[in-house]
Amino acid sequence: MNSSEWSSFMITAIGNFGFPIVITGYLLIRFEKKIEHLNNSIQALAHVIRDGGKSK
């Protein structure tokens, strides 16, 4: 998608769905990998806590 297509899509989406919903969708897509990385870090921390801080 080039720049003009993207801006046209965003304007249409804002008109159809409303600004807050479009921004929320954009942020969720943009931060998906960061949220996944955070989830993996939390799971690793849970394993360390469960094992009493012992490293493998």
PDB file of N, CA and C in Angstrom:
ATOM      1  N   MET A   1       0.850  -1.166   0.000  1.00  0.00           N
ATOM      2  CA  MET A   1       0.000   0.000   0.000  1.00  0.00           C
ATOM      3  C   MET A   1       0.896   1.229   0.000  1.00  0.00           C
ATOM      4  N   ASN A   2       0.737   2.112  -0.984  1.00  0.00           N
ATOM      5  CA  ASN A   2       1.578   3.306  -1.007  1.00  0.00           C
ATOM      6  C   ASN A   2       0.982   4.396  -0.107  1.00  0.00           C
ATOM      7  N   SER A   3       1.662   5.513  -0.037  1.00  0.00           N
ATOM      8  CA  SER A   3       1.300   6.564   0.907  1.00  0.00           C
ATOM      9  C   SER A   3      -0.097   7.138   0.646  1.00  0.00           C
ATOM     10  N   SER A   4      -0.428   7.390  -0.610  1.00  0.00           N
ATOM     11  CA  SER A   4      -1.734   7.976  -0.895  1.00  0.00           C
ATOM     12  C   SER A   4      -2.868   6.988  -0.633  1.00  0.00           C
ATOM     13  N   GLU A   5      -2.631   5.701  -0.922  1.00  0.00           N
ATOM     14  CA  GLU A   5      -3.644   4.685  -0.623  1.00  0.00           C
ATOM     15  C   GLU A   5      -3.845   4.561   0.881  1.00  0.00           C
ATOM     16  N   TRP A   6      -2.751   4.608   1.635  1.00  0.00           N
ATOM     17  CA  TRP A   6      -2.831   4.485   3.091  1.00  0.00           C
ATOM     18  C   TRP A   6      -3.606   5.658   3.685  1.00  0.00           C
ATOM     19  N   SER A   7      -3.302   6.876   3.251  1.00  0.00           N
ATOM     20  CA  SER A   7      -4.003   8.033   3.802  1.00  0.00           C
ATOM     21  C   SER A   7      -5.481   8.015   3.411  1.00  0.00           C
ATOM     22  N   SER A   8      -5.792   7.582   2.201  1.00  0.00           N
ATOM     23  CA  SER A   8      -7.184   7.461   1.781  1.00  0.00           C
ATOM     24  C   SER A   8      -7.914   6.419   2.622  1.00  0.00           C
ATOM     25  N   PHE A   9      -7.246   5.296   2.889  1.00  0.00           N
ATOM     26  CA  PHE A   9      -7.830   4.245   3.726  1.00  0.00           C
ATOM     27  C   PHE A   9      -8.097   4.758   5.133  1.00  0.00           C
ATOM     28  N   MET A  10      -7.143   5.493   5.700  1.00  0.00           N
ATOM     29  CA  MET A  10      -7.303   5.997   7.058  1.00  0.00           C
ATOM     30  C   MET A  10      -8.454   7.000   7.145  1.00  0.00           C
ATOM     31  N   ILE A  11      -8.576   7.874   6.170  1.00  0.00           N
ATOM     32  CA  ILE A  11      -9.656   8.861   6.183  1.00  0.00           C
ATOM     33  C   ILE A  11     -11.009   8.166   6.074  1.00  0.00           C
ATOM     34  N   THR A  12     -11.095   7.173   5.195  1.00  0.00           N
ATOM     35  CA  THR A  12     -12.342   6.424   5.059  1.00  0.00           C
ATOM     36  C   THR A  12     -12.667   5.670   6.339  1.00  0.00           C
ATOM     37  N   ALA A  13     -11.668   5.051   6.947  1.00  0.00           N
ATOM     38  CA  ALA A  13     -11.886   4.292   8.185  1.00  0.00           C
ATOM     39  C   ALA A  13     -12.340   5.210   9.313  1.00  0.00           C
ATOM     40  N   ILE A  14     -11.730   6.374   9.413  1.00  0.00           N
ATOM     41  CA  ILE A  14     -12.126   7.320  10.463  1.00  0.00           C
ATOM     42  C   ILE A  14     -13.567   7.759  10.246  1.00  0.00           C
ATOM     43  N   GLY A  15     -13.925   8.006   8.995  1.00  0.00           N
ATOM     44  CA  GLY A  15     -15.295   8.406   8.698  1.00  0.00           C
ATOM     45  C   GLY A  15     -16.303   7.312   8.995  1.00  0.00           C
ATOM     46  N   ASN A  16     -15.924   6.069   8.743  1.00  0.00           N
ATOM     47  CA  ASN A  16     -16.846   4.956   8.933  1.00  0.00           C
ATOM     48  C   ASN A  16     -16.916   4.473  10.382  1.00  0.00           C
ATOM     49  N   PHE A  17     -15.801   4.426  11.067  1.00  0.00           N
ATOM     50  CA  PHE A  17     -15.747   3.804  12.390  1.00  0.00           C
ATOM     51  C   PHE A  17     -15.526   4.777  13.537  1.00  0.00           C
ATOM     52  N   GLY A  18     -15.030   5.920  13.260  1.00  0.00           N
ATOM     53  CA  GLY A  18     -14.752   6.889  14.317  1.00  0.00           C
ATOM     54  C   GLY A  18     -13.282   6.877  14.698  1.00  0.00           C
ATOM     55  N   PHE A  19     -12.817   8.041  15.083  1.00  0.00           N
ATOM     56  CA  PHE A  19     -11.405   8.228  15.391  1.00  0.00           C
ATOM     57  C   PHE A  19     -10.889   7.311  16.495  1.00  0.00           C
ATOM     58  N   PRO A  20     -11.559   7.187  17.639  1.00  0.00           N
ATOM     59  CA  PRO A  20     -11.011   6.351  18.722  1.00  0.00           C
ATOM     60  C   PRO A  20     -10.839   4.883  18.326  1.00  0.00           C
ATOM     61  N   ILE A  21     -11.776   4.350  17.569  1.00  0.00           N
ATOM     62  CA  ILE A  21     -11.682   2.947  17.171  1.00  0.00           C
ATOM     63  C   ILE A  21     -10.521   2.735  16.201  1.00  0.00           C
ATOM     64  N   VAL A  22     -10.354   3.655  15.255  1.00  0.00           N
ATOM     65  CA  VAL A  22      -9.258   3.532  14.290  1.00  0.00           C
ATOM     66  C   VAL A  22      -7.908   3.637  14.997  1.00  0.00           C
ATOM     67  N   ILE A  23      -7.768   4.578  15.913  1.00  0.00           N
ATOM     68  CA  ILE A  23      -6.510   4.731  16.646  1.00  0.00           C
ATOM     69  C   ILE A  23      -6.228   3.498  17.494  1.00  0.00           C
ATOM     70  N   THR A  24      -7.242   2.957  18.146  1.00  0.00           N
ATOM     71  CA  THR A  24      -7.071   1.746  18.947  1.00  0.00           C
ATOM     72  C   THR A  24      -6.603   0.586  18.085  1.00  0.00           C
ATOM     73  N   GLY A  25      -7.228   0.395  16.929  1.00  0.00           N
ATOM     74  CA  GLY A  25      -6.812  -0.673  16.015  1.00  0.00           C
ATOM     75  C   GLY A  25      -5.382  -0.493  15.548  1.00  0.00           C
ATOM     76  N   TYR A  26      -5.017   0.740  15.201  1.00  0.00           N
ATOM     77  CA  TYR A  26      -3.655   1.026  14.757  1.00  0.00           C
ATOM     78  C   TYR A  26      -2.647   0.699  15.850  1.00  0.00           C
ATOM     79  N   LEU A  27      -2.932   1.130  17.068  1.00  0.00           N
ATOM     80  CA  LEU A  27      -2.002   0.878  18.175  1.00  0.00           C
ATOM     81  C   LEU A  27      -1.884  -0.610  18.495  1.00  0.00           C
ATOM     82  N   LEU A  28      -2.993  -1.334  18.447  1.00  0.00           N
ATOM     83  CA  LEU A  28      -2.939  -2.772  18.715  1.00  0.00           C
ATOM     84  C   LEU A  28      -2.097  -3.494  17.671  1.00  0.00           C
ATOM     85  N   ILE A  29      -2.249  -3.119  16.421  1.00  0.00           N
ATOM     86  CA  ILE A  29      -1.448  -3.744  15.360  1.00  0.00           C
ATOM     87  C   ILE A  29       0.016  -3.377  15.512  1.00  0.00           C
ATOM     88  N   ARG A  30       0.281  -2.108  15.803  1.00  0.00           N
ATOM     89  CA  ARG A  30       1.659  -1.631  15.901  1.00  0.00           C
ATOM     90  C   ARG A  30       2.405  -2.258  17.086  1.00  0.00           C
ATOM     91  N   PHE A  31       1.714  -2.410  18.209  1.00  0.00           N
ATOM     92  CA  PHE A  31       2.363  -2.902  19.411  1.00  0.00           C
ATOM     93  C   PHE A  31       2.198  -4.398  19.632  1.00  0.00           C
ATOM     94  N   GLU A  32       1.684  -5.117  18.650  1.00  0.00           N
ATOM     95  CA  GLU A  32       1.445  -6.549  18.824  1.00  0.00           C
ATOM     96  C   GLU A  32       2.725  -7.307  19.182  1.00  0.00           C
ATOM     97  N   LYS A  33       3.808  -7.040  18.485  1.00  0.00           N
ATOM     98  CA  LYS A  33       5.069  -7.736  18.781  1.00  0.00           C
ATOM     99  C   LYS A  33       5.607  -7.358  20.151  1.00  0.00           C
ATOM    100  N   LYS A  34       5.448  -6.106  20.531  1.00  0.00           N
ATOM    101  CA  LYS A  34       5.923  -5.686  21.848  1.00  0.00           C
ATOM    102  C   LYS A  34       5.107  -6.357  22.949  1.00  0.00           C
ATOM    103  N   ILE A  35       3.811  -6.492  22.740  1.00  0.00           N
ATOM    104  CA  ILE A  35       2.960  -7.160  23.722  1.00  0.00           C
ATOM    105  C   ILE A  35       3.338  -8.632  23.816  1.00  0.00           C
ATOM    106  N   GLU A  36       3.641  -9.262  22.677  1.00  0.00           N
ATOM    107  CA  GLU A  36       4.053 -10.665  22.685  1.00  0.00           C
ATOM    108  C   GLU A  36       5.377 -10.836  23.438  1.00  0.00           C
ATOM    109  N   HIS A  37       6.309  -9.928  23.221  1.00  0.00           N
ATOM    110  CA  HIS A  37       7.598  -9.981  23.922  1.00  0.00           C
ATOM    111  C   HIS A  37       7.389  -9.801  25.430  1.00  0.00           C
ATOM    112  N   LEU A  38       6.517  -8.884  25.804  1.00  0.00           N
ATOM    113  CA  LEU A  38       6.213  -8.665  27.219  1.00  0.00           C
ATOM    114  C   LEU A  38       5.593  -9.913  27.833  1.00  0.00           C
ATOM    115  N   ASN A  39       4.702 -10.566  27.109  1.00  0.00           N
ATOM    116  CA  ASN A  39       4.078 -11.805  27.591  1.00  0.00           C
ATOM    117  C   ASN A  39       5.132 -12.890  27.822  1.00  0.00           C
ATOM    118  N   ASN A  40       6.072 -13.023  26.882  1.00  0.00           N
ATOM    119  CA  ASN A  40       7.142 -14.015  27.030  1.00  0.00           C
ATOM    120  C   ASN A  40       8.013 -13.700  28.254  1.00  0.00           C
ATOM    121  N   SER A  41       8.287 -12.422  28.469  1.00  0.00           N
ATOM    122  CA  SER A  41       9.089 -12.026  29.628  1.00  0.00           C
ATOM    123  C   SER A  41       8.368 -12.335  30.936  1.00  0.00           C
ATOM    124  N   ILE A  42       7.072 -12.097  30.968  1.00  0.00           N
ATOM    125  CA  ILE A  42       6.291 -12.387  32.178  1.00  0.00           C
ATOM    126  C   ILE A  42       6.261 -13.887  32.437  1.00  0.00           C
ATOM    127  N   GLN A  43       6.127 -14.678  31.388  1.00  0.00           N
ATOM    128  CA  GLN A  43       6.145 -16.137  31.563  1.00  0.00           C
ATOM    129  C   GLN A  43       7.497 -16.612  32.072  1.00  0.00           C
ATOM    130  N   ALA A  44       8.584 -16.050  31.555  1.00  0.00           N
ATOM    131  CA  ALA A  44       9.921 -16.424  32.020  1.00  0.00           C
ATOM    132  C   ALA A  44      10.104 -16.037  33.488  1.00  0.00           C
ATOM    133  N   LEU A  45       9.596 -14.875  33.870  1.00  0.00           N
ATOM    134  CA  LEU A  45       9.672 -14.452  35.264  1.00  0.00           C
ATOM    135  C   LEU A  45       8.876 -15.390  36.162  1.00  0.00           C
ATOM    136  N   ALA A  46       7.721 -15.831  35.704  1.00  0.00           N
ATOM    137  CA  ALA A  46       6.910 -16.763  36.483  1.00  0.00           C
ATOM    138  C   ALA A  46       7.662 -18.077  36.695  1.00  0.00           C
ATOM    139  N   HIS A  47       8.383 -18.550  35.678  1.00  0.00           N
ATOM    140  CA  HIS A  47       9.171 -19.783  35.816  1.00  0.00           C
ATOM    141  C   HIS A  47      10.294 -19.591  36.837  1.00  0.00           C
ATOM    142  N   VAL A  48      10.956 -18.449  36.816  1.00  0.00           N
ATOM    143  CA  VAL A  48      12.034 -18.178  37.774  1.00  0.00           C
ATOM    144  C   VAL A  48      11.479 -18.123  39.190  1.00  0.00           C
ATOM    145  N   ILE A  49      10.350 -17.474  39.359  1.00  0.00           N
ATOM    146  CA  ILE A  49       9.750 -17.379  40.686  1.00  0.00           C
ATOM    147  C   ILE A  49       9.314 -18.753  41.180  1.00  0.00           C
ATOM    148  N   ARG A  50       8.724 -19.555  40.285  1.00  0.00           N
ATOM    149  CA  ARG A  50       8.266 -20.900  40.664  1.00  0.00           C
ATOM    150  C   ARG A  50       9.439 -21.790  41.046  1.00  0.00           C
ATOM    151  N   ASP A  51      10.580 -21.628  40.347  1.00  0.00           N
ATOM    152  CA  ASP A  51      11.753 -22.453  40.628  1.00  0.00           C
ATOM    153  C   ASP A  51      12.590 -21.924  41.788  1.00  0.00           C
ATOM    154  N   GLY A  52      12.162 -20.872  42.408  1.00  0.00           N
ATOM    155  CA  GLY A  52      12.870 -20.324  43.558  1.00  0.00           C
ATOM    156  C   GLY A  52      14.120 -19.565  43.176  1.00  0.00           C
ATOM    157  N   GLY A  53      14.206 -19.072  41.962  1.00  0.00           N
ATOM    158  CA  GLY A  53      15.359 -18.295  41.521  1.00  0.00           C
ATOM    159  C   GLY A  53      16.521 -19.121  41.047  1.00  0.00           C
ATOM    160  N   LYS A  54      16.351 -20.425  40.945  1.00  0.00           N
ATOM    161  CA  LYS A  54      17.425 -21.284  40.476  1.00  0.00           C
ATOM    162  C   LYS A  54      17.512 -21.215  38.968  1.00  0.00           C
ATOM    163  N   SER A  55      18.716 -21.013  38.445  1.00  0.00           N
ATOM    164  CA  SER A  55      18.888 -20.990  36.986  1.00  0.00           C
ATOM    165  C   SER A  55      19.188 -22.397  36.499  1.00  0.00           C
ATOM    166  N   LYS A  56      18.773 -22.675  35.277  1.00  0.00           N
ATOM    167  CA  LYS A  56      18.976 -24.011  34.709  1.00  0.00           C
ATOM    168  C   LYS A  56      20.258 -24.093  33.947  1.00  0.00           C
TER     169      LYS A  56
END
